[in-house]
Amino acid sequence: PPNPEHFYLNNQCVKRSGVRQVFTTAEADEYLRCMDNPAYFVKNYVKIISLDKGLIPFELYPYQEKMFEHFEKNRFSIVLAPRQSGKSISCVGYILWYSLFKPDKTIAILANKGATAREMLSRITLALENIPFFLQPGCKALNKGSIEFDGNTKIFAAATTGSSIRGRSCS
């Protein structure tokens, strides 16, 4: 089990900033596999809340895997899909992957209301808390409005206003 000194603010599910990770050969191989393939990472490590079953592994549909491939190849994407089809939770998995394996990124989660954006961020936090320590970067800050990791990647949640991302260079 991880050392309690390695926990972020006594949260035993999140690694604090500055903790050195010593990988086993199997962990290093798995880390590289996850780094190279967001769908693999999400299918094997991301957990989501099901209304019927509670915390469950995220089983991606083929269209969600195609979304990830598109996100990787294109800076801008528009997804046309019906309500309740898994778009938001897919983005949660992808944003978590992106934030863990891409250093020096700033990720904005914007929604019509700040509370909606913070809800998305809370889903990312839940997913982060349920992945193994060896896949987690150190966490510098984690609150209801933002997360900051070692490697200078930041995620913040805000309402869509004229000034919500003014002055920030978002990835």
Protein backbone atom coordinates (compact mmCIF):
# COMPACT_ATOMS: atom_id res chain seq x y z
CA PRO A 1 0.00 0.00 0.00
CA PRO A 2 1.14 3.57 -0.62
CA ASN A 3 2.86 5.50 2.15
CA PRO A 4 0.43 7.92 3.94
CA GLU A 5 3.01 10.68 3.39
CA HIS A 6 2.34 10.27 -0.35
CA PHE A 7 -1.35 11.20 -0.06
CA TYR A 8 -2.67 14.56 -1.21
CA LEU A 9 -4.22 16.28 1.85
CA ASN A 10 -4.80 12.89 3.52
CA ASN A 11 -6.84 11.65 0.55
CA GLN A 12 -5.46 8.13 0.26
CA CYS A 13 -6.72 7.89 -3.32
CA VAL A 14 -4.67 10.80 -4.72
CA LYS A 15 -0.87 11.07 -4.93
CA ARG A 16 0.58 14.35 -3.66
CA SER A 17 3.00 16.51 -5.59
CA GLY A 18 6.68 15.61 -5.49
CA VAL A 19 6.31 11.88 -4.81
CA ARG A 20 8.86 9.92 -6.83
CA GLN A 21 7.46 6.95 -8.69
CA VAL A 22 9.62 3.85 -9.01
CA PHE A 23 8.04 1.63 -11.65
CA THR A 24 8.24 -2.13 -11.83
CA THR A 25 8.83 -3.44 -15.36
CA ALA A 26 5.14 -4.39 -15.63
CA GLU A 27 4.02 -0.94 -14.41
CA ALA A 28 6.35 0.82 -16.87
CA ASP A 29 4.98 -1.28 -19.73
CA GLU A 30 1.41 -0.57 -18.64
CA TYR A 31 2.14 3.14 -18.24
CA LEU A 32 3.46 3.29 -21.81
CA ARG A 33 0.47 1.33 -23.11
CA CYS A 34 -1.90 3.77 -21.40
CA MET A 35 0.08 6.79 -22.57
CA ASP A 36 -0.18 5.67 -26.20
CA ASN A 37 -3.87 4.77 -26.24
CA PRO A 38 -6.62 6.75 -24.47
CA ALA A 39 -9.25 4.07 -25.20
CA TYR A 40 -7.06 1.40 -23.61
CA PHE A 41 -6.53 3.60 -20.53
CA VAL A 42 -10.24 4.39 -20.15
CA LYS A 43 -11.41 0.79 -20.67
CA ASN A 44 -8.88 -0.61 -18.20
CA TYR A 45 -8.61 2.04 -15.49
CA VAL A 46 -11.45 4.59 -15.51
CA LYS A 47 -14.45 3.93 -13.32
CA ILE A 48 -17.78 5.72 -13.56
CA ILE A 49 -20.94 5.85 -11.47
CA SER A 50 -23.87 3.79 -12.72
CA LEU A 51 -27.28 4.66 -11.29
CA ASP A 52 -28.05 0.95 -10.93
CA LYS A 53 -24.69 -0.56 -9.96
CA GLY A 54 -22.63 2.21 -8.35
CA LEU A 55 -18.94 2.45 -9.28
CA ILE A 56 -18.22 0.34 -12.38
CA PRO A 57 -15.51 0.08 -15.05
CA PHE A 58 -16.11 2.30 -18.07
CA GLU A 59 -17.00 0.13 -21.04
CA LEU A 60 -16.55 2.18 -24.21
CA TYR A 61 -18.79 1.82 -27.23
CA PRO A 62 -17.06 1.79 -30.63
CA TYR A 63 -18.28 5.34 -31.39
CA GLN A 64 -16.61 6.56 -28.17
CA GLU A 65 -13.31 5.03 -29.25
CA LYS A 66 -13.72 6.79 -32.62
CA MET A 67 -14.30 10.06 -30.74
CA PHE A 68 -10.98 9.57 -28.94
CA GLU A 69 -9.19 8.90 -32.23
CA HIS A 70 -10.73 12.05 -33.68
CA PHE A 71 -9.75 14.12 -30.63
CA GLU A 72 -6.16 12.90 -30.99
CA LYS A 73 -5.93 13.90 -34.65
CA ASN A 74 -7.84 17.19 -34.50
CA ARG A 75 -7.50 20.18 -32.23
CA PHE A 76 -11.17 21.11 -32.69
CA SER A 77 -14.08 18.67 -32.72
CA ILE A 78 -17.83 18.95 -32.92
CA VAL A 79 -19.81 15.94 -31.74
CA LEU A 80 -23.33 15.53 -33.05
CA ALA A 81 -25.08 12.96 -30.88
CA PRO A 82 -28.39 12.60 -29.06
CA ARG A 83 -28.94 13.37 -25.39
CA GLN A 84 -27.87 10.75 -22.87
CA SER A 85 -25.52 9.01 -25.31
CA GLY A 86 -22.37 9.20 -23.19
CA LYS A 87 -20.70 12.28 -24.68
CA SER A 88 -19.95 13.99 -21.38
CA ILE A 89 -18.66 10.92 -19.56
CA SER A 90 -16.54 10.04 -22.62
CA CYS A 91 -15.01 13.49 -22.40
CA VAL A 92 -14.34 12.93 -18.68
CA GLY A 93 -12.32 9.81 -19.53
CA TYR A 94 -10.47 11.49 -22.36
CA ILE A 95 -9.70 14.66 -20.36
CA LEU A 96 -8.35 12.56 -17.49
CA TRP A 97 -6.12 10.64 -19.91
CA TYR A 98 -4.98 13.88 -21.58
CA SER A 99 -4.19 15.55 -18.27
CA LEU A 100 -2.22 12.56 -16.95
CA PHE A 101 -0.08 11.93 -20.00
CA LYS A 102 0.38 15.37 -21.61
CA PRO A 103 2.55 17.79 -19.60
CA ASP A 104 2.24 21.57 -19.69
CA LYS A 105 -1.41 21.69 -20.75
CA THR A 106 -4.24 23.92 -19.62
CA ILE A 107 -7.66 22.35 -19.97
CA ALA A 108 -10.85 24.37 -19.65
CA ILE A 109 -14.17 22.71 -18.87
CA LEU A 110 -16.84 25.20 -19.83
CA ALA A 111 -20.58 24.86 -19.43
CA ASN A 112 -23.61 27.13 -19.49
CA LYS A 113 -23.46 27.29 -15.68
CA GLY A 114 -20.45 27.13 -13.38
CA ALA A 115 -22.13 24.38 -11.35
CA THR A 116 -22.42 22.20 -14.46
CA ALA A 117 -18.74 22.69 -15.27
CA ARG A 118 -17.78 21.87 -11.67
CA GLU A 119 -19.90 18.69 -11.86
CA MET A 120 -17.81 17.57 -14.84
CA LEU A 121 -14.64 18.34 -12.88
CA SER A 122 -15.96 16.30 -9.95
CA ARG A 123 -16.41 13.32 -12.30
CA ILE A 124 -12.78 13.70 -13.39
CA THR A 125 -11.75 13.80 -9.72
CA LEU A 126 -13.74 10.62 -9.01
CA ALA A 127 -12.08 8.87 -11.95
CA LEU A 128 -8.63 10.09 -10.78
CA GLU A 129 -9.27 8.75 -7.28
CA ASN A 130 -9.96 5.31 -8.69
CA ILE A 131 -6.91 4.77 -10.87
CA PRO A 132 -3.76 3.11 -9.50
CA PHE A 133 -1.09 5.29 -7.90
CA PHE A 134 1.52 4.33 -10.49
CA LEU A 135 -0.58 6.01 -13.20
CA GLN A 136 -1.18 9.20 -11.21
CA PRO A 137 1.02 12.27 -11.46
CA GLY A 138 1.52 14.17 -8.24
CA CYS A 139 -1.34 16.51 -7.41
CA LYS A 140 -0.44 20.11 -6.53
CA ALA A 141 -4.01 21.34 -6.10
CA LEU A 142 -7.42 19.69 -6.15
CA ASN A 143 -10.58 21.58 -5.34
CA LYS A 144 -14.10 22.08 -6.69
CA GLY A 145 -12.93 24.49 -9.37
CA SER A 146 -9.58 23.16 -10.53
CA ILE A 147 -6.94 20.44 -10.47
CA GLU A 148 -3.22 20.99 -10.97
CA PHE A 149 -0.71 18.20 -11.49
CA ASP A 150 3.05 17.85 -11.44
CA GLY A 151 4.12 18.46 -15.01
CA ASN A 152 2.24 21.79 -15.02
CA THR A 153 -1.02 20.46 -16.38
CA LYS A 154 -4.10 22.25 -15.06
CA ILE A 155 -7.81 21.63 -15.43
CA PHE A 156 -10.28 24.31 -14.45
CA ALA A 157 -14.05 24.59 -14.58
CA ALA A 158 -15.95 27.77 -15.43
CA ALA A 159 -19.20 29.08 -16.83
CA THR A 160 -19.19 30.16 -20.46
CA THR A 161 -18.86 33.91 -20.20
CA GLY A 162 -16.96 36.44 -22.24
CA SER A 163 -14.11 36.38 -19.73
CA SER A 164 -14.05 32.76 -18.50
CA ILE A 165 -10.84 31.88 -20.35
CA ARG A 166 -9.55 35.37 -21.10
CA GLY A 167 -5.79 35.52 -20.61
CA ARG A 168 -5.37 31.71 -20.57
CA SER A 169 -3.85 29.62 -23.32
CA CYS A 170 -6.00 26.51 -23.33
CA SER A 171 -4.88 23.27 -24.87
